[in-house]
């Protein structure tokens, strides 16, 4: 079985860990990378070649929407899905 390769992008180390741990509990998923912001994620994207990227919307340096715009330019097969929560 081919696993789904996932990159988790969030500025909170706690959230990155929680999401990574939750996803890793599924035997069909392989968390191949994490990143603290969009710029770091874009630097890693070509090396780890994920099938799915989870993005926090509000992050310093490069937020999730800016990152998504850049990902669309780089990955033809990108499919989008969003879940969000208000922090303030």
N, C-alpha and C. Protein backbone atom coordinates (compact mmCIF):
# COMPACT_ATOMS: atom_id res chain seq x y z
N UNK A 1 0.83 -1.17 0.00
CA UNK A 1 0.00 0.00 0.00
C UNK A 1 0.89 1.25 0.00
N UNK A 2 0.59 2.19 -0.89
CA UNK A 2 1.30 3.45 -0.93
C UNK A 2 0.70 4.40 0.10
N UNK A 3 1.55 4.94 0.96
CA UNK A 3 1.07 5.85 1.99
C UNK A 3 0.89 7.26 1.44
N UNK A 4 -0.01 8.00 2.05
CA UNK A 4 -0.23 9.41 1.72
C UNK A 4 0.86 10.21 2.45
N UNK A 5 1.62 10.97 1.68
CA UNK A 5 2.73 11.76 2.23
C UNK A 5 2.21 13.15 2.62
N UNK A 6 2.39 13.50 3.91
CA UNK A 6 1.82 14.74 4.43
C UNK A 6 2.90 15.65 5.01
N UNK A 7 2.77 16.95 4.73
CA UNK A 7 3.59 17.98 5.38
C UNK A 7 2.66 18.82 6.26
N UNK A 8 3.06 19.04 7.50
CA UNK A 8 2.28 19.82 8.46
C UNK A 8 2.97 21.17 8.67
N UNK A 9 2.22 22.26 8.40
CA UNK A 9 2.79 23.60 8.51
C UNK A 9 1.97 24.42 9.51
N UNK A 10 2.60 24.80 10.61
CA UNK A 10 1.95 25.60 11.65
C UNK A 10 3.02 26.27 12.48
N UNK A 11 2.80 27.50 12.90
CA UNK A 11 3.81 28.20 13.70
C UNK A 11 3.86 27.71 15.14
N UNK A 12 2.83 27.04 15.60
CA UNK A 12 2.81 26.51 16.96
C UNK A 12 3.42 25.11 16.98
N UNK A 13 4.50 24.95 17.75
CA UNK A 13 5.13 23.64 17.85
C UNK A 13 4.17 22.62 18.45
N UNK A 14 3.31 23.06 19.36
CA UNK A 14 2.34 22.15 19.98
C UNK A 14 1.34 21.65 18.94
N UNK A 15 0.81 22.56 18.13
CA UNK A 15 -0.15 22.16 17.10
C UNK A 15 0.52 21.27 16.06
N UNK A 16 1.73 21.62 15.65
CA UNK A 16 2.45 20.76 14.69
C UNK A 16 2.56 19.34 15.23
N UNK A 17 2.89 19.22 16.51
CA UNK A 17 3.06 17.91 17.13
C UNK A 17 1.73 17.16 17.22
N UNK A 18 0.68 17.88 17.66
CA UNK A 18 -0.64 17.25 17.78
C UNK A 18 -1.15 16.75 16.43
N UNK A 19 -1.05 17.59 15.42
CA UNK A 19 -1.52 17.19 14.08
C UNK A 19 -0.67 16.05 13.55
N UNK A 20 0.63 16.16 13.68
CA UNK A 20 1.53 15.09 13.21
C UNK A 20 1.23 13.77 13.90
N UNK A 21 1.07 13.81 15.22
CA UNK A 21 0.78 12.59 15.97
C UNK A 21 -0.56 11.98 15.57
N UNK A 22 -1.57 12.84 15.40
CA UNK A 22 -2.89 12.35 15.00
C UNK A 22 -2.83 11.69 13.63
N UNK A 23 -2.17 12.34 12.69
CA UNK A 23 -2.06 11.78 11.34
C UNK A 23 -1.22 10.51 11.32
N UNK A 24 -0.16 10.49 12.09
CA UNK A 24 0.72 9.32 12.13
C UNK A 24 0.04 8.09 12.72
N UNK A 25 -1.05 8.29 13.44
CA UNK A 25 -1.80 7.18 13.99
C UNK A 25 -2.55 6.38 12.93
N UNK A 26 -2.65 6.94 11.74
CA UNK A 26 -3.31 6.24 10.63
C UNK A 26 -2.23 5.52 9.81
N UNK A 27 -2.32 4.22 9.67
CA UNK A 27 -1.28 3.48 8.95
C UNK A 27 -1.17 3.84 7.46
N UNK A 28 -2.16 4.55 6.94
CA UNK A 28 -2.12 4.95 5.52
C UNK A 28 -1.41 6.27 5.30
N UNK A 29 -0.97 6.92 6.40
CA UNK A 29 -0.39 8.26 6.32
C UNK A 29 1.04 8.25 6.83
N UNK A 30 1.90 8.99 6.11
CA UNK A 30 3.30 9.18 6.51
C UNK A 30 3.55 10.69 6.58
N UNK A 31 3.78 11.22 7.78
CA UNK A 31 4.13 12.64 7.92
C UNK A 31 5.60 12.77 7.53
N UNK A 32 5.84 13.37 6.38
CA UNK A 32 7.20 13.43 5.82
C UNK A 32 7.95 14.69 6.21
N UNK A 33 7.25 15.72 6.69
CA UNK A 33 7.93 16.95 7.09
C UNK A 33 6.98 17.84 7.88
N UNK A 34 7.59 18.73 8.66
CA UNK A 34 6.85 19.80 9.33
C UNK A 34 7.59 21.10 9.06
N UNK A 35 6.88 22.22 9.20
CA UNK A 35 7.49 23.53 9.01
C UNK A 35 6.78 24.54 9.90
N UNK A 36 7.52 25.55 10.37
CA UNK A 36 6.99 26.55 11.27
C UNK A 36 6.34 27.73 10.56
N UNK A 37 6.53 27.83 9.25
CA UNK A 37 5.89 28.90 8.48
C UNK A 37 5.95 28.54 7.00
N UNK A 38 5.29 29.34 6.19
CA UNK A 38 5.20 29.05 4.77
C UNK A 38 6.53 29.08 4.04
N UNK A 39 7.39 29.99 4.43
CA UNK A 39 8.69 30.09 3.75
C UNK A 39 9.52 28.82 3.96
N UNK A 40 9.51 28.31 5.17
CA UNK A 40 10.22 27.06 5.46
C UNK A 40 9.58 25.90 4.68
N UNK A 41 8.26 25.89 4.65
CA UNK A 41 7.55 24.83 3.91
C UNK A 41 7.92 24.84 2.43
N UNK A 42 7.95 26.01 1.83
CA UNK A 42 8.30 26.11 0.41
C UNK A 42 9.73 25.67 0.15
N UNK A 43 10.62 25.92 1.10
CA UNK A 43 12.01 25.49 0.95
C UNK A 43 12.12 23.96 0.99
N UNK A 44 11.22 23.29 1.70
CA UNK A 44 11.27 21.83 1.83
C UNK A 44 10.43 21.09 0.79
N UNK A 45 9.48 21.77 0.18
CA UNK A 45 8.43 21.11 -0.61
C UNK A 45 8.98 20.20 -1.72
N UNK A 46 9.98 20.67 -2.44
CA UNK A 46 10.52 19.87 -3.55
C UNK A 46 11.27 18.64 -3.05
N UNK A 47 11.86 18.74 -1.88
CA UNK A 47 12.63 17.62 -1.33
C UNK A 47 11.73 16.51 -0.79
N UNK A 48 10.62 16.88 -0.15
CA UNK A 48 9.78 15.87 0.50
C UNK A 48 8.60 15.42 -0.35
N UNK A 49 8.24 16.21 -1.36
CA UNK A 49 7.20 15.84 -2.33
C UNK A 49 5.92 15.29 -1.67
N UNK A 50 5.26 16.11 -0.85
CA UNK A 50 4.06 15.61 -0.16
C UNK A 50 2.86 15.50 -1.10
N UNK A 51 1.94 14.62 -0.75
CA UNK A 51 0.66 14.52 -1.45
C UNK A 51 -0.34 15.51 -0.87
N UNK A 52 -0.13 15.87 0.40
CA UNK A 52 -1.05 16.74 1.13
C UNK A 52 -0.24 17.66 2.03
N UNK A 53 -0.66 18.93 2.10
CA UNK A 53 -0.04 19.90 2.99
C UNK A 53 -1.12 20.50 3.87
N UNK A 54 -0.94 20.42 5.19
CA UNK A 54 -1.85 21.10 6.10
C UNK A 54 -1.24 22.46 6.40
N UNK A 55 -2.04 23.52 6.31
CA UNK A 55 -1.53 24.88 6.50
C UNK A 55 -2.32 25.63 7.56
N UNK A 56 -1.62 26.23 8.50
CA UNK A 56 -2.23 27.19 9.40
C UNK A 56 -2.45 28.46 8.58
N UNK A 57 -3.54 29.15 8.79
CA UNK A 57 -3.81 30.38 8.05
C UNK A 57 -2.98 31.54 8.59
N UNK A 58 -2.96 31.69 9.91
CA UNK A 58 -2.25 32.80 10.54
C UNK A 58 -0.89 32.35 11.04
N UNK A 59 0.17 32.76 10.32
CA UNK A 59 1.55 32.45 10.71
C UNK A 59 2.42 33.66 10.41
N UNK A 60 3.50 33.82 11.17
CA UNK A 60 4.44 34.89 10.86
C UNK A 60 5.28 34.53 9.63
N UNK A 61 6.00 35.46 9.11
CA UNK A 61 6.90 35.32 7.97
C UNK A 61 6.13 35.14 6.67
N UNK A 62 5.41 34.04 6.51
CA UNK A 62 4.57 33.80 5.34
C UNK A 62 3.35 33.02 5.81
N UNK A 63 2.17 33.62 5.70
CA UNK A 63 0.97 32.96 6.21
C UNK A 63 0.48 31.86 5.27
N UNK A 64 -0.55 31.17 5.72
CA UNK A 64 -1.06 30.02 4.96
C UNK A 64 -1.62 30.38 3.60
N UNK A 65 -2.28 31.54 3.49
CA UNK A 65 -2.85 31.92 2.19
C UNK A 65 -1.77 32.28 1.18
N UNK A 66 -0.73 32.99 1.63
CA UNK A 66 0.40 33.28 0.75
C UNK A 66 1.10 31.99 0.32
N UNK A 67 1.25 31.09 1.27
CA UNK A 67 1.89 29.80 0.98
C UNK A 67 1.06 29.01 -0.03
N UNK A 68 -0.24 28.99 0.15
CA UNK A 68 -1.12 28.28 -0.77
C UNK A 68 -1.00 28.83 -2.18
N UNK A 69 -0.92 30.15 -2.31
CA UNK A 69 -0.74 30.77 -3.62
C UNK A 69 0.53 30.27 -4.30
N UNK A 70 1.61 30.20 -3.55
CA UNK A 70 2.89 29.72 -4.11
C UNK A 70 2.83 28.22 -4.41
N UNK A 71 2.17 27.45 -3.54
CA UNK A 71 2.05 26.01 -3.79
C UNK A 71 1.27 25.73 -5.07
N UNK A 72 0.24 26.52 -5.33
CA UNK A 72 -0.55 26.34 -6.56
C UNK A 72 0.32 26.51 -7.81
N UNK A 73 1.29 27.38 -7.73
CA UNK A 73 2.20 27.62 -8.86
C UNK A 73 3.15 26.44 -9.07
N UNK A 74 3.49 25.74 -8.01
CA UNK A 74 4.50 24.69 -8.06
C UNK A 74 3.94 23.27 -8.25
N UNK A 75 2.73 23.05 -7.76
CA UNK A 75 2.19 21.68 -7.73
C UNK A 75 0.91 21.61 -8.55
N UNK A 76 0.98 20.97 -9.70
CA UNK A 76 -0.18 20.86 -10.58
C UNK A 76 -1.31 20.05 -9.97
N UNK A 77 -0.97 19.02 -9.21
CA UNK A 77 -1.97 18.09 -8.68
C UNK A 77 -2.55 18.56 -7.35
N UNK A 78 -2.26 19.78 -6.93
CA UNK A 78 -2.71 20.28 -5.64
C UNK A 78 -4.23 20.34 -5.56
N UNK A 79 -4.77 19.76 -4.52
CA UNK A 79 -6.19 19.84 -4.21
C UNK A 79 -6.30 20.56 -2.88
N UNK A 80 -7.33 21.35 -2.72
CA UNK A 80 -7.43 22.19 -1.53
C UNK A 80 -8.60 21.79 -0.65
N UNK A 81 -8.38 21.94 0.63
CA UNK A 81 -9.40 21.73 1.63
C UNK A 81 -9.02 22.63 2.79
N UNK A 82 -9.97 23.26 3.43
CA UNK A 82 -9.64 24.19 4.51
C UNK A 82 -10.45 23.90 5.76
N UNK A 83 -9.78 24.04 6.88
CA UNK A 83 -10.43 24.04 8.18
C UNK A 83 -9.73 25.13 8.97
N UNK A 84 -10.49 25.91 9.69
CA UNK A 84 -9.87 27.02 10.40
C UNK A 84 -10.51 27.21 11.77
N UNK A 85 -9.80 27.93 12.61
CA UNK A 85 -10.34 28.31 13.89
C UNK A 85 -9.88 29.73 14.19
N UNK A 86 -10.69 30.46 14.85
CA UNK A 86 -10.36 31.84 15.22
C UNK A 86 -9.62 31.84 16.54
N UNK A 87 -8.44 32.49 16.58
CA UNK A 87 -7.64 32.49 17.81
C UNK A 87 -7.79 33.76 18.61
N UNK A 88 -8.39 34.80 18.04
CA UNK A 88 -8.53 36.04 18.81
C UNK A 88 -9.94 36.59 18.70
